[in-house]
Amino acid sequence: MDTAAAWQHLFSSWPKSRPKTGIVITTFQEPIPFTNFLLSEGILALERDRPDSQNARKVFVAFTAILAVKFTDTDDFLNFKQLGFC
């Protein structure tokens, strides 16, 4: 599985009980904090709670441009099994 497909799988299998929040790090080294997201084939739509330096609150990111996803919550690490980890 390529990384774009892995990221798409992670976001498409996001548990309904887990808040849609986190920080996407792009291959451009840009951190994008998000409070919600929507999926399309090959593209992730992210919503921010505050605008960035260009005053944008929403951004579309290709799954191929995602390098990492960070979480700021304090949930138990085992809860990530819901996202497909074992």
Protein backbone atom coordinates (compact mmCIF):
# COMPACT_ATOMS: atom_id res chain seq x y z
CA MET A 1 0.00 0.00 0.00
CA ASP A 2 1.43 3.39 -0.91
CA THR A 3 1.39 6.18 1.65
CA ALA A 4 -1.40 8.14 -0.07
CA ALA A 5 -3.64 5.08 0.11
CA ALA A 6 -2.64 4.53 3.75
CA TRP A 7 -3.55 8.12 4.69
CA GLN A 8 -6.84 7.87 2.81
CA HIS A 9 -7.62 4.62 4.62
CA LEU A 10 -6.79 6.17 8.01
CA PHE A 11 -9.09 9.16 7.46
CA SER A 12 -11.88 7.10 5.86
CA SER A 13 -11.90 4.66 8.79
CA TRP A 14 -11.89 7.42 11.43
CA PRO A 15 -14.12 6.26 14.33
CA LYS A 16 -17.29 8.29 14.84
CA SER A 17 -16.52 8.39 18.57
CA ARG A 18 -13.16 10.11 17.99
CA PRO A 19 -13.12 13.91 17.49
CA LYS A 20 -12.04 14.94 13.99
CA THR A 21 -9.12 16.97 15.30
CA GLY A 22 -5.37 16.89 14.85
CA ILE A 23 -2.51 18.41 12.90
CA VAL A 24 -1.58 17.35 9.37
CA ILE A 25 2.05 17.90 8.41
CA THR A 26 2.47 18.28 4.66
CA THR A 27 5.42 17.45 2.46
CA PHE A 28 5.86 21.25 2.22
CA GLN A 29 6.67 21.14 5.98
CA GLU A 30 3.46 23.06 6.72
CA PRO A 31 1.56 22.09 9.88
CA ILE A 32 -2.20 22.36 9.40
CA PRO A 33 -4.23 22.10 12.62
CA PHE A 34 -7.76 20.92 11.89
CA THR A 35 -11.07 20.70 13.74
CA ASN A 36 -12.98 18.81 11.06
CA PHE A 37 -12.38 17.08 7.74
CA LEU A 38 -14.14 15.71 4.67
CA LEU A 39 -12.93 13.13 2.16
CA SER A 40 -12.85 12.97 -1.60
CA GLU A 41 -11.01 10.54 -3.85
CA GLY A 42 -7.36 11.51 -3.42
CA ILE A 43 -8.04 14.77 -1.53
CA LEU A 44 -8.61 15.66 2.11
CA ALA A 45 -10.57 18.82 2.97
CA LEU A 46 -9.50 20.29 6.31
CA GLU A 47 -11.23 22.93 8.41
CA ARG A 48 -9.37 25.14 10.87
CA ASP A 49 -10.88 26.92 13.87
CA ARG A 50 -8.60 29.95 13.24
CA PRO A 51 -7.42 31.39 9.93
CA ASP A 52 -3.83 30.96 8.80
CA SER A 53 -1.53 33.83 7.79
CA GLN A 54 -3.40 34.16 4.45
CA ASN A 55 -6.74 34.27 6.34
CA ALA A 56 -7.76 30.78 5.09
CA ARG A 57 -9.84 28.53 7.32
CA LYS A 58 -10.26 25.63 4.89
CA VAL A 59 -7.65 23.81 2.80
CA PHE A 60 -7.64 20.89 0.36
CA VAL A 61 -4.62 18.60 0.66
CA ALA A 62 -3.77 15.72 -1.65
CA PHE A 63 -3.20 12.50 0.28
CA THR A 64 0.14 12.30 -1.56
CA ALA A 65 1.17 15.56 0.19
CA ILE A 66 0.61 14.27 3.74
CA LEU A 67 3.80 13.46 5.61
CA ALA A 68 2.45 12.95 9.13
CA VAL A 69 -0.57 13.42 11.39
CA LYS A 70 -0.19 14.64 14.97
CA PHE A 71 -2.70 14.45 17.80
CA THR A 72 -2.84 16.80 20.77
CA ASP A 73 -5.41 14.89 22.81
CA THR A 74 -4.50 12.93 25.91
CA ASP A 75 -6.38 9.74 25.01
CA ASP A 76 -4.88 6.40 25.92
CA PHE A 77 -2.42 5.27 23.24
CA LEU A 78 -4.36 2.00 22.84
CA ASN A 79 -7.30 3.99 21.45
CA PHE A 80 -5.35 4.28 18.20
CA LYS A 81 -6.25 0.66 17.51
CA GLN A 82 -9.57 2.09 16.31
CA LEU A 83 -7.62 3.70 13.45
CA GLY A 84 -6.20 0.36 12.33
CA PHE A 85 -3.06 0.11 14.45
CA CYS A 86 -2.23 -3.10 16.32
